């Protein structure tokens, strides 16, 4: 584990302990804070789903038109074909994820 991840893990633990102590001292405020966190999480997840939806549509349409994908680097035609094959393997998995959570 890298140093940055261990620092984040320790920081997460300290914040969890502080939040737990705050909830035990003032349960009503803690309940309100949890409700806000759940609401913000739902809003952010919804925004991310919409962004992924539009990115996947633009990627699929650019592949259908034979245009270069924004995820590809400038390469020889032979390498471009390899990249398209890799992107085409990712699209069904992305479709499954979007259908399960969308």
C-alpha atoms as a PDB file:
ATOM      1  CA  UNK A   1       0.000   0.000   0.000  1.00  0.00           C
ATOM      2  CA  UNK A   2       1.384   3.401  -0.933  1.00  0.00           C
ATOM      3  CA  UNK A   3       1.922   6.204   1.529  1.00  0.00           C
ATOM      4  CA  UNK A   4      -0.904   8.307   0.074  1.00  0.00           C
ATOM      5  CA  UNK A   5      -3.417   5.480   0.439  1.00  0.00           C
ATOM      6  CA  UNK A   6      -2.369   4.779   4.032  1.00  0.00           C
ATOM      7  CA  UNK A   7      -2.733   8.445   4.921  1.00  0.00           C
ATOM      8  CA  UNK A   8      -6.210   8.492   3.384  1.00  0.00           C
ATOM      9  CA  UNK A   9      -7.115   5.304   5.251  1.00  0.00           C
ATOM     10  CA  UNK A  10      -5.997   6.782   8.592  1.00  0.00           C
ATOM     11  CA  UNK A  11      -7.802  10.055   7.847  1.00  0.00           C
ATOM     12  CA  UNK A  12     -10.964   8.127   6.983  1.00  0.00           C
ATOM     13  CA  UNK A  13     -10.754   6.215  10.262  1.00  0.00           C
ATOM     14  CA  UNK A  14     -10.256   9.374  12.318  1.00  0.00           C
ATOM     15  CA  UNK A  15     -13.181  11.096  10.593  1.00  0.00           C
ATOM     16  CA  UNK A  16     -15.384   8.040  11.158  1.00  0.00           C
ATOM     17  CA  UNK A  17     -14.577   8.022  14.870  1.00  0.00           C
ATOM     18  CA  UNK A  18     -15.251  11.773  15.151  1.00  0.00           C
ATOM     19  CA  UNK A  19     -18.540  11.423  13.271  1.00  0.00           C
ATOM     20  CA  UNK A  20     -19.575   8.487  15.496  1.00  0.00           C
ATOM     21  CA  UNK A  21     -18.825  10.497  18.628  1.00  0.00           C
ATOM     22  CA  UNK A  22     -20.829  13.439  17.275  1.00  0.00           C
ATOM     23  CA  UNK A  23     -23.800  11.187  16.532  1.00  0.00           C
ATOM     24  CA  UNK A  24     -23.682   9.690  20.040  1.00  0.00           C
ATOM     25  CA  UNK A  25     -23.608  13.169  21.622  1.00  0.00           C
ATOM     26  CA  UNK A  26     -26.370  14.698  19.457  1.00  0.00           C
ATOM     27  CA  UNK A  27     -28.386  11.952  17.741  1.00  0.00           C
ATOM     28  CA  UNK A  28     -30.913  14.308  16.089  1.00  0.00           C
ATOM     29  CA  UNK A  29     -28.181  16.339  14.393  1.00  0.00           C
ATOM     30  CA  UNK A  30     -26.410  13.137  13.400  1.00  0.00           C
ATOM     31  CA  UNK A  31     -29.571  11.798  11.803  1.00  0.00           C
ATOM     32  CA  UNK A  32     -30.011  15.024   9.859  1.00  0.00           C
ATOM     33  CA  UNK A  33     -26.374  14.887   8.710  1.00  0.00           C
ATOM     34  CA  UNK A  34     -26.784  11.288   7.530  1.00  0.00           C
ATOM     35  CA  UNK A  35     -29.926  12.246   5.608  1.00  0.00           C
ATOM     36  CA  UNK A  36     -28.021  15.088   3.905  1.00  0.00           C
ATOM     37  CA  UNK A  37     -25.118  12.768   3.053  1.00  0.00           C
ATOM     38  CA  UNK A  38     -27.465  10.190   1.520  1.00  0.00           C
ATOM     39  CA  UNK A  39     -29.203  12.913  -0.500  1.00  0.00           C
ATOM     40  CA  UNK A  40     -25.909  14.384  -1.765  1.00  0.00           C
ATOM     41  CA  UNK A  41     -24.663  10.915  -2.639  1.00  0.00           C
ATOM     42  CA  UNK A  42     -27.812  10.236  -4.672  1.00  0.00           C
ATOM     43  CA  UNK A  43     -27.517  13.564  -6.518  1.00  0.00           C
ATOM     44  CA  UNK A  44     -23.824  13.056  -7.344  1.00  0.00           C
ATOM     45  CA  UNK A  45     -24.406   9.462  -8.466  1.00  0.00           C
ATOM     46  CA  UNK A  46     -27.247  10.614 -10.719  1.00  0.00           C
ATOM     47  CA  UNK A  47     -25.049  13.279 -12.303  1.00  0.00           C
ATOM     48  CA  UNK A  48     -22.310  10.715 -12.901  1.00  0.00           C
ATOM     49  CA  UNK A  49     -24.780   8.290 -14.520  1.00  0.00           C
ATOM     50  CA  UNK A  50     -26.007  11.017 -16.871  1.00  0.00           C
ATOM     51  CA  UNK A  51     -22.415  11.929 -17.819  1.00  0.00           C
ATOM     52  CA  UNK A  52     -21.507   8.280 -18.474  1.00  0.00           C
ATOM     53  CA  UNK A  53     -24.683   7.870 -20.540  1.00  0.00           C
ATOM     54  CA  UNK A  54     -23.848  10.761 -22.841  1.00  0.00           C
ATOM     55  CA  UNK A  55     -20.175   9.767 -23.094  1.00  0.00           C
ATOM     56  CA  UNK A  56     -21.118   6.217 -24.057  1.00  0.00           C
ATOM     57  CA  UNK A  57     -23.590   7.491 -26.677  1.00  0.00           C
ATOM     58  CA  UNK A  58     -21.019   9.800 -28.233  1.00  0.00           C
ATOM     59  CA  UNK A  59     -18.405   7.032 -28.195  1.00  0.00           C
ATOM     60  CA  UNK A  60     -20.817   4.558 -29.786  1.00  0.00           C
ATOM     61  CA  UNK A  61     -21.885   7.043 -32.470  1.00  0.00           C
ATOM     62  CA  UNK A  62     -18.283   7.949 -33.284  1.00  0.00           C
ATOM     63  CA  UNK A  63     -17.441   4.266 -33.609  1.00  0.00           C
ATOM     64  CA  UNK A  64     -20.493   3.699 -35.797  1.00  0.00           C
ATOM     65  CA  UNK A  65     -19.457   6.563 -38.067  1.00  0.00           C
ATOM     66  CA  UNK A  66     -15.897   5.268 -38.219  1.00  0.00           C
ATOM     67  CA  UNK A  67     -14.469   8.349 -36.541  1.00  0.00           C
ATOM     68  CA  UNK A  68     -11.555   8.205 -34.182  1.00  0.00           C
ATOM     69  CA  UNK A  69     -12.501   7.595 -30.568  1.00  0.00           C
ATOM     70  CA  UNK A  70     -11.523  10.302 -28.041  1.00  0.00           C
ATOM     71  CA  UNK A  71      -9.915   7.500 -26.024  1.00  0.00           C
ATOM     72  CA  UNK A  72      -7.511   6.565 -28.792  1.00  0.00           C
ATOM     73  CA  UNK A  73      -4.099   8.051 -29.338  1.00  0.00           C
ATOM     74  CA  UNK A  74      -2.734   9.007 -32.724  1.00  0.00           C
ATOM     75  CA  UNK A  75      -1.246   5.793 -34.108  1.00  0.00           C
ATOM     76  CA  UNK A  76      -0.787   3.877 -37.300  1.00  0.00           C
ATOM     77  CA  UNK A  77      -3.934   2.437 -38.989  1.00  0.00           C
ATOM     78  CA  UNK A  78      -2.970  -1.028 -37.801  1.00  0.00           C
ATOM     79  CA  UNK A  79      -2.822   0.137 -34.160  1.00  0.00           C
ATOM     80  CA  UNK A  80      -6.074   2.095 -34.542  1.00  0.00           C
ATOM     81  CA  UNK A  81      -7.841  -1.144 -35.452  1.00  0.00           C
ATOM     82  CA  UNK A  82      -6.482  -2.774 -32.292  1.00  0.00           C
ATOM     83  CA  UNK A  83      -7.770   0.117 -30.161  1.00  0.00           C
ATOM     84  CA  UNK A  84     -11.230  -0.101 -31.699  1.00  0.00           C
ATOM     85  CA  UNK A  85     -11.349  -3.809 -30.894  1.00  0.00           C
ATOM     86  CA  UNK A  86     -10.459  -3.067 -27.255  1.00  0.00           C
ATOM     87  CA  UNK A  87     -13.122  -0.341 -27.027  1.00  0.00           C
ATOM     88  CA  UNK A  88     -15.705  -2.672 -28.558  1.00  0.00           C
ATOM     89  CA  UNK A  89     -14.964  -5.196 -25.799  1.00  0.00           C
ATOM     90  CA  UNK A  90     -15.652  -2.530 -23.161  1.00  0.00           C
ATOM     91  CA  UNK A  91     -18.977  -1.332 -24.602  1.00  0.00           C
ATOM     92  CA  UNK A  92     -21.020  -4.474 -23.726  1.00  0.00           C
ATOM     93  CA  UNK A  93     -19.730  -4.332 -20.153  1.00  0.00           C
ATOM     94  CA  UNK A  94     -20.650  -0.650 -19.952  1.00  0.00           C
ATOM     95  CA  UNK A  95     -24.113  -1.427 -21.338  1.00  0.00           C
ATOM     96  CA  UNK A  96     -24.618  -4.094 -18.640  1.00  0.00           C
ATOM     97  CA  UNK A  97     -23.567  -1.706 -15.879  1.00  0.00           C
ATOM     98  CA  UNK A  98     -25.858   1.030 -17.179  1.00  0.00           C
ATOM     99  CA  UNK A  99     -28.789  -1.357 -17.483  1.00  0.00           C
ATOM    100  CA  UNK A 100     -28.328  -2.638 -13.935  1.00  0.00           C
ATOM    101  CA  UNK A 101     -27.910   0.774 -12.288  1.00  0.00           C
ATOM    102  CA  UNK A 102     -29.637   3.082 -14.768  1.00  0.00           C
END
